Protein backbone atom coordinates (compact mmCIF):
# COMPACT_ATOMS: atom_id res chain seq x y z
CA GLN A 1 -0.04 0.09 0.17
CA VAL A 2 0.85 3.56 -0.29
CA GLN A 3 3.15 5.10 2.31
CA LEU A 4 4.28 8.69 3.13
CA VAL A 5 6.37 9.28 5.73
CA GLU A 6 7.61 12.93 6.65
CA SER A 7 10.71 13.83 8.69
CA GLY A 8 12.63 16.81 9.75
CA GLY A 9 10.41 19.24 10.86
CA GLY A 10 11.28 21.29 14.29
CA LEU A 11 11.38 24.36 16.44
CA VAL A 12 13.79 27.06 14.49
CA GLN A 13 14.32 30.99 14.85
CA PRO A 14 13.27 33.13 12.59
CA GLY A 15 15.55 33.08 9.53
CA GLY A 16 16.35 29.79 9.88
CA SER A 17 16.71 27.03 7.80
CA LEU A 18 14.85 23.62 7.71
CA ARG A 19 15.02 20.95 5.37
CA LEU A 20 12.08 18.31 5.72
CA SER A 21 11.98 14.94 3.81
CA CYS A 22 9.08 12.76 2.63
CA ALA A 23 9.78 9.10 2.20
CA ALA A 24 7.77 6.72 -0.41
CA SER A 25 6.56 3.47 -0.60
CA GLY A 26 4.31 1.09 -2.20
CA PHE A 27 3.90 2.81 -5.62
CA THR A 28 6.08 3.40 -8.58
CA PHE A 29 7.34 7.12 -7.09
CA SER A 30 9.12 8.12 -10.67
CA SER A 31 5.70 7.98 -12.26
CA PHE A 32 3.99 10.68 -10.16
CA PRO A 33 4.04 14.19 -9.25
CA MET A 34 4.55 14.73 -5.75
CA ASN A 35 3.01 17.96 -2.90
CA TRP A 36 4.01 19.51 -0.44
CA TYR A 37 1.06 20.60 1.62
CA ARG A 38 0.81 22.61 5.52
CA GLN A 39 -1.84 23.63 7.54
CA ALA A 40 -1.52 26.11 10.63
CA PRO A 41 -3.61 25.91 13.29
CA GLY A 42 -7.16 27.47 12.76
CA LYS A 43 -6.63 27.38 9.20
CA GLU A 44 -7.05 25.54 6.06
CA ARG A 45 -4.91 23.12 4.58
CA GLU A 46 -2.64 24.91 1.81
CA LEU A 47 -0.38 24.07 -1.40
CA VAL A 48 3.26 24.97 -0.45
CA ALA A 49 4.86 23.38 -3.37
CA ARG A 50 4.78 20.76 -6.41
CA ILE A 51 7.05 18.98 -8.22
CA SER A 52 6.51 16.89 -11.74
CA SER A 53 7.43 13.20 -11.89
CA ALA A 54 11.16 13.80 -13.54
CA GLY A 55 11.55 16.79 -11.23
CA THR A 56 12.09 19.29 -13.96
CA GLY A 57 9.05 21.24 -12.97
CA THR A 58 8.23 22.96 -10.23
CA ASN A 59 5.59 25.17 -8.76
CA TYR A 60 5.45 27.13 -5.55
CA ALA A 61 2.92 29.36 -3.32
CA ASP A 62 3.10 32.65 -3.15
CA SER A 63 4.46 32.87 0.35
CA VAL A 64 7.38 30.94 -0.14
CA LYS A 65 8.66 31.73 -3.46
CA GLY A 66 12.26 32.53 -3.05
CA ARG A 67 12.56 30.50 0.21
CA PHE A 68 11.42 26.94 -0.41
CA THR A 69 12.87 25.15 -2.78
CA ILE A 70 11.24 21.77 -4.01
CA SER A 71 13.00 18.94 -5.08
CA ARG A 72 13.15 14.93 -5.63
CA ASP A 73 15.32 12.25 -6.04
CA ASN A 74 13.64 9.31 -7.80
CA ALA A 75 16.35 6.49 -6.95
CA LYS A 76 15.89 7.39 -2.98
CA ASN A 77 11.49 7.14 -3.40
CA THR A 78 12.27 10.45 -1.77
CA MET A 79 11.23 14.12 -1.91
CA TYR A 80 12.32 17.18 -0.16
CA LEU A 81 11.10 20.54 1.20
CA GLN A 82 14.59 23.04 1.79
CA MET A 83 12.87 26.17 3.86
CA ASN A 84 15.20 28.80 3.76
CA SER A 85 14.80 32.50 5.57
CA LEU A 86 11.32 31.11 7.82
CA LYS A 87 8.96 32.85 9.30
CA PRO A 88 6.83 32.95 12.26
CA GLU A 89 3.95 32.57 9.78
CA ASP A 90 5.51 29.59 8.05
CA THR A 91 4.69 27.36 11.38
CA ALA A 92 2.46 24.80 10.57
CA VAL A 93 2.42 20.96 10.19
CA TYR A 94 3.79 20.21 7.03
CA TYR A 95 2.37 16.96 4.66
CA CYS A 96 3.26 14.75 2.01
CA ASN A 97 0.99 14.22 -0.45
CA THR A 98 0.30 12.35 -3.76
CA VAL A 99 -2.18 12.03 -6.46
CA HIS A 100 -2.70 9.13 -8.46
CA TRP A 101 -4.98 9.22 -11.81
CA GLY A 102 -6.90 11.85 -10.08
CA ILE A 103 -8.79 10.01 -7.71
CA ALA A 104 -6.99 8.39 -5.42
CA ASN A 105 -5.24 11.26 -2.97
CA TYR A 106 -2.58 9.90 -0.25
CA TRP A 107 -1.21 11.63 2.74
CA GLY A 108 1.44 11.82 5.58
CA GLN A 109 1.02 12.24 8.93
CA GLY A 110 2.77 15.28 8.64
CA THR A 111 5.80 16.56 10.35
CA GLN A 112 5.08 19.61 12.71
CA VAL A 113 7.14 22.96 11.39
CA THR A 114 7.78 25.81 14.43
CA VAL A 115 9.41 28.94 13.57
CA SER A 116 9.74 30.89 16.74
CA SER A 117 12.35 32.78 19.19
């Protein structure tokens, strides 16, 4: 079965950096686009970044452009989110996501990112 496991979250000061990882299994990782979402307390889940199956195409939410970089290593079945210049408003639970054939929507358990001094 499809499994997505996020890691790398934690507490960081404003201006700091973190790298999130999403380890995928149970499907042909290199065949599907992947997404990072986040959900802050009291807010709806929002799309942060997405990457094409080959890793050649990326899109970002306006709020993270120039600060976050999404990437993937298809040989390791892993996706990454490098987060730089973190702000308190980046505090959220970050989720790994993939949608297969437009109908099957898979989520990881999430990893908490807290940006605070």
